[in-house]
């Protein structure tokens, strides 16, 4: 009688030992992001964090979850995995920092069809690097190996961040008024939005490793520019009297995101020709003959963060932005709808 073939979990495409090796290889990376508020090391069922509430009258936790989108496809094709982890952390940090929150800790989710040690390590190294730069603890994560869900060489990322802010210091935009100025801080390229359009237009026409004169670098270098963290700039200016709101420019563009914090009855007057767009946006528009309306709705166009401030405070805001190592430029004002 023929003996039936035995099937193991590894035969099914899941290598538990590989996952354990990965955990061991990243322990030191993750540990470098920890401080005295982290009560657990890597490998537990849950991350424990004891927030320092001293000096906070009414502490409010602020959280956000996000992904990297189809920018990952560029990373797959370029076989470069050291930037997308930083993209995710910085994106999440910005999303809560615009509310005035101080980010505390981050949790990641990395899922793939077949776990490749060097790929996962590079991605997680990016998480740890970005967390360490911003004083954020990487206290937990999940690495999931799911055969048949992803194509070979593909993976997906998601991240959750939690921060804290005193209730009376939450920045909501409710103080925004007619005449307030819109002050932009430059982006570092596309950040993590608009890649479906960018790929559709550029990848059939250019090779990722091709150096493009107008960019001054390869297409891959440009498209994989790390999503900038605006935490230093926001921290420098959020307590200036007359700063009424911040807008992190993600999917939906400058108008779509900034309108989210405008009080009812107000609108935006944006001077679209007042700044020079980075070359990557010009390349996309010219190569794909992309309508201007689509460009404005899809991309940040070189303005990654908008500060909304009283005209009397604009000078101080710009000075503090420069102190934080950033540039600043005026792009318009708030008007009556």
Protein backbone atom coordinates (compact mmCIF):
# COMPACT_ATOMS: atom_id res chain seq x y z
CA UNK A 1 0.00 0.00 0.00
CA UNK A 2 1.46 3.37 -1.09
CA UNK A 3 2.21 5.72 1.74
CA UNK A 4 0.53 9.10 1.32
CA UNK A 5 2.84 12.08 0.85
CA UNK A 6 3.17 14.22 3.94
CA UNK A 7 2.57 17.92 3.55
CA UNK A 8 4.19 20.35 5.94
CA UNK A 9 3.47 24.04 6.50
CA UNK A 10 6.71 24.76 4.64
CA UNK A 11 5.46 22.69 1.68
CA UNK A 12 2.39 24.95 1.67
CA UNK A 13 4.63 27.98 1.34
CA UNK A 14 5.02 29.20 4.92
CA UNK A 15 8.44 28.95 6.53
CA UNK A 16 8.13 29.46 10.28
CA UNK A 17 11.88 29.17 10.80
CA UNK A 18 12.50 31.96 8.30
CA UNK A 19 10.14 34.17 10.26
CA UNK A 20 11.95 33.41 13.49
CA UNK A 21 15.30 34.20 11.89
CA UNK A 22 13.95 37.54 10.71
CA UNK A 23 12.72 38.42 14.20
CA UNK A 24 16.13 37.65 15.64
CA UNK A 25 17.90 39.70 12.96
CA UNK A 26 15.85 42.84 13.62
CA UNK A 27 15.90 42.82 17.43
CA UNK A 28 18.80 45.25 17.66
CA UNK A 29 17.27 47.58 15.04
CA UNK A 30 13.97 47.74 16.86
CA UNK A 31 15.62 48.03 20.27
CA UNK A 32 17.38 51.22 19.17
CA UNK A 33 13.98 52.95 18.92
CA UNK A 34 12.95 52.07 22.47
CA UNK A 35 13.08 54.30 25.52
CA UNK A 36 12.11 53.97 29.19
CA UNK A 37 8.44 54.20 28.26
CA UNK A 38 8.55 50.91 26.33
CA UNK A 39 7.88 48.05 28.74
CA UNK A 40 8.23 45.09 26.38
CA UNK A 41 10.80 43.87 23.91
CA UNK A 42 10.19 42.40 20.48
CA UNK A 43 8.43 39.04 20.28
CA UNK A 44 5.54 39.45 22.71
CA UNK A 45 1.85 39.29 21.90
CA UNK A 46 1.40 42.99 22.45
CA UNK A 47 3.55 46.08 22.86
CA UNK A 48 3.34 47.85 26.21
CA UNK A 49 3.95 51.59 26.40
CA UNK A 50 3.69 53.77 29.51
CA UNK A 51 3.17 57.36 28.33
CA UNK A 52 4.63 60.24 30.28
CA UNK A 53 1.63 62.39 31.11
CA UNK A 54 3.44 64.94 33.26
CA UNK A 55 2.57 68.46 32.24
CA UNK A 56 -0.56 67.41 30.35
CA UNK A 57 -3.83 68.62 31.82
CA UNK A 58 -6.14 66.67 29.52
CA UNK A 59 -4.09 64.22 27.45
CA UNK A 60 -5.68 63.10 24.20
CA UNK A 61 -4.34 60.22 22.12
CA UNK A 62 -4.17 60.79 18.37
CA UNK A 63 -3.81 57.84 15.96
CA UNK A 64 -3.56 57.18 12.25
CA UNK A 65 -3.11 54.20 9.94
CA UNK A 66 -1.84 54.23 6.36
CA UNK A 67 0.04 52.41 3.63
CA UNK A 68 2.54 53.24 0.89
CA UNK A 69 0.29 52.55 -2.09
CA UNK A 70 1.60 51.63 -5.52
CA UNK A 71 4.93 53.29 -4.82
CA UNK A 72 5.74 49.75 -3.72
CA UNK A 73 5.60 48.63 -7.36
CA UNK A 74 8.43 51.01 -8.18
CA UNK A 75 10.43 49.52 -5.30
CA UNK A 76 9.74 45.99 -6.57
CA UNK A 77 10.85 46.84 -10.10
CA UNK A 78 13.94 48.73 -8.92
CA UNK A 79 14.71 46.03 -6.30
CA UNK A 80 15.22 48.74 -3.71
CA UNK A 81 13.63 48.24 -0.34
CA UNK A 82 15.42 50.66 1.97
CA UNK A 83 13.12 53.66 1.47
CA UNK A 84 9.50 52.49 1.61
CA UNK A 85 9.63 51.73 5.34
CA UNK A 86 10.74 55.31 5.99
CA UNK A 87 7.98 56.56 3.68
CA UNK A 88 5.34 54.83 5.77
CA UNK A 89 6.57 56.03 9.15
CA UNK A 90 6.98 59.64 8.01
CA UNK A 91 3.58 59.71 6.32
CA UNK A 92 1.91 58.51 9.51
CA UNK A 93 3.90 60.96 11.67
CA UNK A 94 2.80 63.89 9.50
CA UNK A 95 -0.84 62.86 9.67
CA UNK A 96 -0.94 63.22 13.46
CA UNK A 97 1.62 66.02 13.82
CA UNK A 98 -0.69 68.41 11.94
CA UNK A 99 -3.10 68.07 14.88
CA UNK A 100 -0.36 69.21 17.24
CA UNK A 101 0.38 65.71 18.49
CA UNK A 102 3.72 64.33 19.57
CA UNK A 103 4.15 60.84 18.07
CA UNK A 104 4.82 58.14 20.67
CA UNK A 105 4.91 54.72 19.07
CA UNK A 106 4.48 52.93 15.76
CA UNK A 107 3.34 49.43 14.74
CA UNK A 108 3.94 47.91 11.34
CA UNK A 109 2.39 45.21 9.16
CA UNK A 110 4.51 43.52 6.49
CA UNK A 111 2.84 40.84 4.37
CA UNK A 112 4.28 38.85 1.47
CA UNK A 113 3.80 35.66 -0.48
CA UNK A 114 7.26 34.31 0.25
CA UNK A 115 9.43 35.77 2.98
CA UNK A 116 12.78 36.92 1.61
CA UNK A 117 15.04 37.74 4.53
CA UNK A 118 17.03 40.56 2.94
CA UNK A 119 13.92 42.29 1.61
CA UNK A 120 12.05 42.21 4.92
CA UNK A 121 15.17 43.27 6.80
CA UNK A 122 15.68 46.33 4.58
CA UNK A 123 12.04 47.37 4.90
CA UNK A 124 12.03 47.00 8.68
CA UNK A 125 15.38 48.77 8.89
CA UNK A 126 13.61 51.68 7.21
CA UNK A 127 10.87 51.61 9.84
CA UNK A 128 13.47 51.65 12.61
CA UNK A 129 15.56 54.41 11.03
CA UNK A 130 12.61 56.76 10.57
CA UNK A 131 11.27 56.00 14.05
CA UNK A 132 14.65 56.68 15.65
CA UNK A 133 15.02 60.00 13.80
CA UNK A 134 11.68 61.22 15.15
CA UNK A 135 11.94 59.80 18.67
CA UNK A 136 9.19 57.26 18.01
CA UNK A 137 9.26 53.78 19.53
CA UNK A 138 8.72 50.83 17.19
CA UNK A 139 6.91 48.63 19.70
CA UNK A 140 5.25 45.98 17.58
CA UNK A 141 4.63 44.54 14.18
CA UNK A 142 3.39 41.61 12.17
CA UNK A 143 5.22 39.76 9.43
CA UNK A 144 2.76 37.61 7.50
CA UNK A 145 3.74 35.04 4.89
CA UNK A 146 0.72 34.37 2.70
CA UNK A 147 1.40 32.24 -0.38
CA UNK A 148 -0.89 32.66 -3.39
CA UNK A 149 -1.99 36.16 -2.37
CA UNK A 150 1.01 38.06 -3.76
CA UNK A 151 3.06 37.58 -6.91
CA UNK A 152 6.69 36.58 -6.52
CA UNK A 153 8.77 39.45 -5.15
CA UNK A 154 5.76 41.47 -3.98
CA UNK A 155 4.70 42.56 -0.52
CA UNK A 156 2.41 45.09 1.15
CA UNK A 157 2.89 47.45 4.06
CA UNK A 158 0.66 49.18 6.57
CA UNK A 159 1.47 51.15 9.67
CA UNK A 160 -0.29 52.56 12.71
CA UNK A 161 0.99 55.45 14.77
CA UNK A 162 -0.18 56.77 18.14
CA UNK A 163 0.66 60.17 19.54
CA UNK A 164 -0.49 62.47 22.32
CA UNK A 165 -1.52 66.10 22.69
CA UNK A 166 -3.03 68.20 25.44
CA UNK A 167 -6.68 68.84 24.66
CA UNK A 168 -6.30 72.63 24.77
CA UNK A 169 -3.41 72.43 22.27
CA UNK A 170 -5.17 70.41 19.57
CA UNK A 171 -4.90 72.18 16.22
CA UNK A 172 -8.23 71.83 14.43
CA UNK A 173 -8.31 74.73 11.99
CA UNK A 174 -11.34 76.26 13.69
CA UNK A 175 -9.46 79.56 14.10
CA UNK A 176 -8.78 79.92 10.37
CA UNK A 177 -10.22 83.15 9.00
CA UNK A 178 -10.46 85.17 5.82
CA UNK A 179 -7.12 86.69 4.88
CA UNK A 180 -4.95 84.03 6.48
CA UNK A 181 -1.88 83.20 4.41
CA UNK A 182 -1.02 79.81 2.96
CA UNK A 183 2.67 79.09 3.54
CA UNK A 184 4.07 75.97 1.90
CA UNK A 185 7.03 73.80 2.87
CA UNK A 186 8.53 71.88 -0.07
CA UNK A 187 7.91 68.20 -0.64
CA UNK A 188 10.64 65.70 -1.49
CA UNK A 189 8.88 64.61 -4.67
CA UNK A 190 5.70 62.59 -5.01
CA UNK A 191 5.85 61.40 -1.39
CA UNK A 192 3.45 58.42 -1.38
CA UNK A 193 0.65 59.64 -3.61
CA UNK A 194 -0.15 59.65 -7.31
CA UNK A 195 1.97 56.66 -8.23
CA UNK A 196 -0.73 54.90 -10.22
CA UNK A 197 -0.80 57.84 -12.64
CA UNK A 198 2.96 58.39 -12.53
CA UNK A 199 3.68 54.74 -13.33
CA UNK A 200 1.09 54.65 -16.12
CA UNK A 201 2.72 57.65 -17.77
CA UNK A 202 6.44 57.17 -17.11
CA UNK A 203 7.28 53.47 -16.97
CA UNK A 204 6.33 52.69 -20.59
CA UNK A 205 8.56 55.55 -21.75
CA UNK A 206 11.60 55.41 -19.45
CA UNK A 207 13.71 52.79 -17.72
CA UNK A 208 13.97 53.10 -13.95
CA UNK A 209 17.76 53.07 -14.06
CA UNK A 210 17.83 55.68 -16.83
CA UNK A 211 19.31 59.02 -15.84
CA UNK A 212 17.01 61.80 -16.97
CA UNK A 213 18.65 65.17 -17.57
CA UNK A 214 15.74 67.25 -16.34
CA UNK A 215 15.72 65.33 -13.07
CA UNK A 216 19.46 65.23 -12.59
CA UNK A 217 19.15 61.63 -11.43
CA UNK A 218 17.68 58.30 -12.46
CA UNK A 219 13.94 57.86 -12.61
CA UNK A 220 14.13 55.34 -9.76
CA UNK A 221 16.01 57.81 -7.56
CA UNK A 222 13.36 60.44 -8.18
CA UNK A 223 10.33 58.20 -7.71
CA UNK A 224 11.77 56.60 -4.58
CA UNK A 225 12.64 59.88 -2.84
CA UNK A 226 11.67 59.41 0.81
CA UNK A 227 8.42 61.00 1.98
CA UNK A 228 9.59 63.89 4.12
CA UNK A 229 8.81 64.14 7.83
CA UNK A 230 7.53 67.58 8.79
CA UNK A 231 7.67 66.91 12.53
CA UNK A 232 10.70 69.21 13.15
CA UNK A 233 9.08 72.13 11.32
CA UNK A 234 5.67 71.62 12.90
CA UNK A 235 7.22 71.36 16.37
CA UNK A 236 9.07 74.62 15.76
CA UNK A 237 6.04 76.65 14.70
CA UNK A 238 2.88 75.09 16.15
CA UNK A 239 2.90 77.29 19.26
CA UNK A 240 3.34 80.58 17.40
CA UNK A 241 0.37 82.83 18.01
CA UNK A 242 -1.48 83.17 14.71
CA UNK A 243 -0.75 79.68 13.40
CA UNK A 244 -4.26 78.40 12.76
CA UNK A 245 -3.81 75.10 10.95
CA UNK A 246 -1.66 72.61 9.07
CA UNK A 247 -2.46 70.55 6.00
CA UNK A 248 -0.45 67.46 5.06
CA UNK A 249 -0.73 67.20 1.28
CA UNK A 250 -1.51 63.60 0.36
CA UNK A 251 -4.04 62.10 -2.07
CA UNK A 252 -6.40 64.84 -3.24
CA UNK A 253 -3.74 67.48 -3.71
CA UNK A 254 -3.30 70.90 -2.13
CA UNK A 255 -6.90 72.05 -2.34
CA UNK A 256 -8.51 68.71 -1.47
CA UNK A 257 -6.48 68.29 1.71
CA UNK A 258 -6.46 71.90 2.87
CA UNK A 259 -10.22 72.28 2.48
CA UNK A 260 -10.63 69.54 5.07
CA UNK A 261 -9.66 71.91 7.87
CA UNK A 262 -11.41 75.08 6.67
CA UNK A 263 -14.37 76.34 8.71
CA UNK A 264 -17.65 76.52 6.82
CA UNK A 265 -18.00 79.53 4.55
CA UNK A 266 -14.31 79.82 3.69
CA UNK A 267 -12.41 78.90 0.53
CA UNK A 268 -8.87 78.88 -0.85
CA UNK A 269 -7.27 81.24 -3.32
CA UNK A 270 -4.15 79.46 -4.54
CA UNK A 271 -1.59 81.22 -6.72
CA UNK A 272 -0.61 78.20 -8.80
CA UNK A 273 2.13 80.01 -10.70
CA UNK A 274 3.83 81.41 -7.61
CA UNK A 275 6.31 78.56 -7.19
CA UNK A 276 8.32 76.34 -9.49
CA UNK A 277 7.24 72.73 -9.45
CA UNK A 278 9.93 70.06 -9.11
CA UNK A 279 10.98 68.57 -12.44
CA UNK A 280 9.34 65.19 -11.79
CA UNK A 281 5.89 66.78 -11.99
CA UNK A 282 6.73 68.55 -15.23
CA UNK A 283 8.01 65.25 -16.65
CA UNK A 284 4.77 63.47 -15.73
CA UNK A 285 2.55 66.20 -17.16
CA UNK A 286 4.48 66.57 -20.41
CA UNK A 287 5.00 62.85 -21.03
CA UNK A 288 1.39 61.91 -20.35
CA UNK A 289 -0.26 65.11 -21.57
CA UNK A 290 -1.95 65.12 -18.16
CA UNK A 291 -4.61 67.85 -17.75
CA UNK A 292 -3.75 70.54 -15.23
CA UNK A 293 -6.87 69.73 -13.22
CA UNK A 294 -5.71 66.13 -12.79
CA UNK A 295 -2.22 67.27 -11.76
CA UNK A 296 -3.69 69.49 -9.06
CA UNK A 297 -6.03 66.80 -7.74
CA UNK A 298 -3.47 63.99 -7.80
CA UNK A 299 -0.11 65.39 -6.67
CA UNK A 300 1.36 67.69 -4.05
CA UNK A 301 3.17 69.55 -6.89
CA UNK A 302 6.09 70.37 -4.63
CA UNK A 303 4.16 71.60 -1.58
CA UNK A 304 4.13 68.83 1.02
CA UNK A 305 2.83 70.80 3.99
CA UNK A 306 0.70 73.93 4.14
CA UNK A 307 0.77 76.23 7.17
CA UNK A 308 -2.26 78.49 7.54
CA UNK A 309 -1.35 81.58 9.51
CA UNK A 310 -2.44 85.12 10.27
CA UNK A 311 -0.65 87.63 7.99
CA UNK A 312 0.92 89.29 11.04
CA UNK A 313 2.53 85.97 12.03
CA UNK A 314 3.71 84.96 8.56
CA UNK A 315 7.18 86.45 8.96
CA UNK A 316 7.85 84.65 12.22
CA UNK A 317 6.47 81.40 10.79
CA UNK A 318 8.86 81.55 7.84
CA UNK A 319 11.78 82.35 10.11
CA UNK A 320 11.04 79.35 12.32
CA UNK A 321 10.60 77.11 9.28
CA UNK A 322 14.08 78.11 8.17
CA UNK A 323 15.37 77.42 11.70
CA UNK A 324 14.00 73.89 11.32
CA UNK A 325 16.09 73.47 8.16
CA UNK A 326 13.26 73.89 5.66
CA UNK A 327 12.34 76.40 2.98
CA UNK A 328 9.03 78.29 2.87
CA UNK A 329 7.05 80.01 0.14
CA UNK A 330 3.69 81.77 -0.11
CA UNK A 331 1.08 80.10 -2.28
CA UNK A 332 -2.10 82.03 -1.57
CA UNK A 333 -4.66 82.93 1.05
CA UNK A 334 -7.99 82.06 2.63
CA UNK A 335 -11.04 83.77 1.16
CA UNK A 336 -14.81 83.82 1.66
CA UNK A 337 -16.55 81.01 -0.25
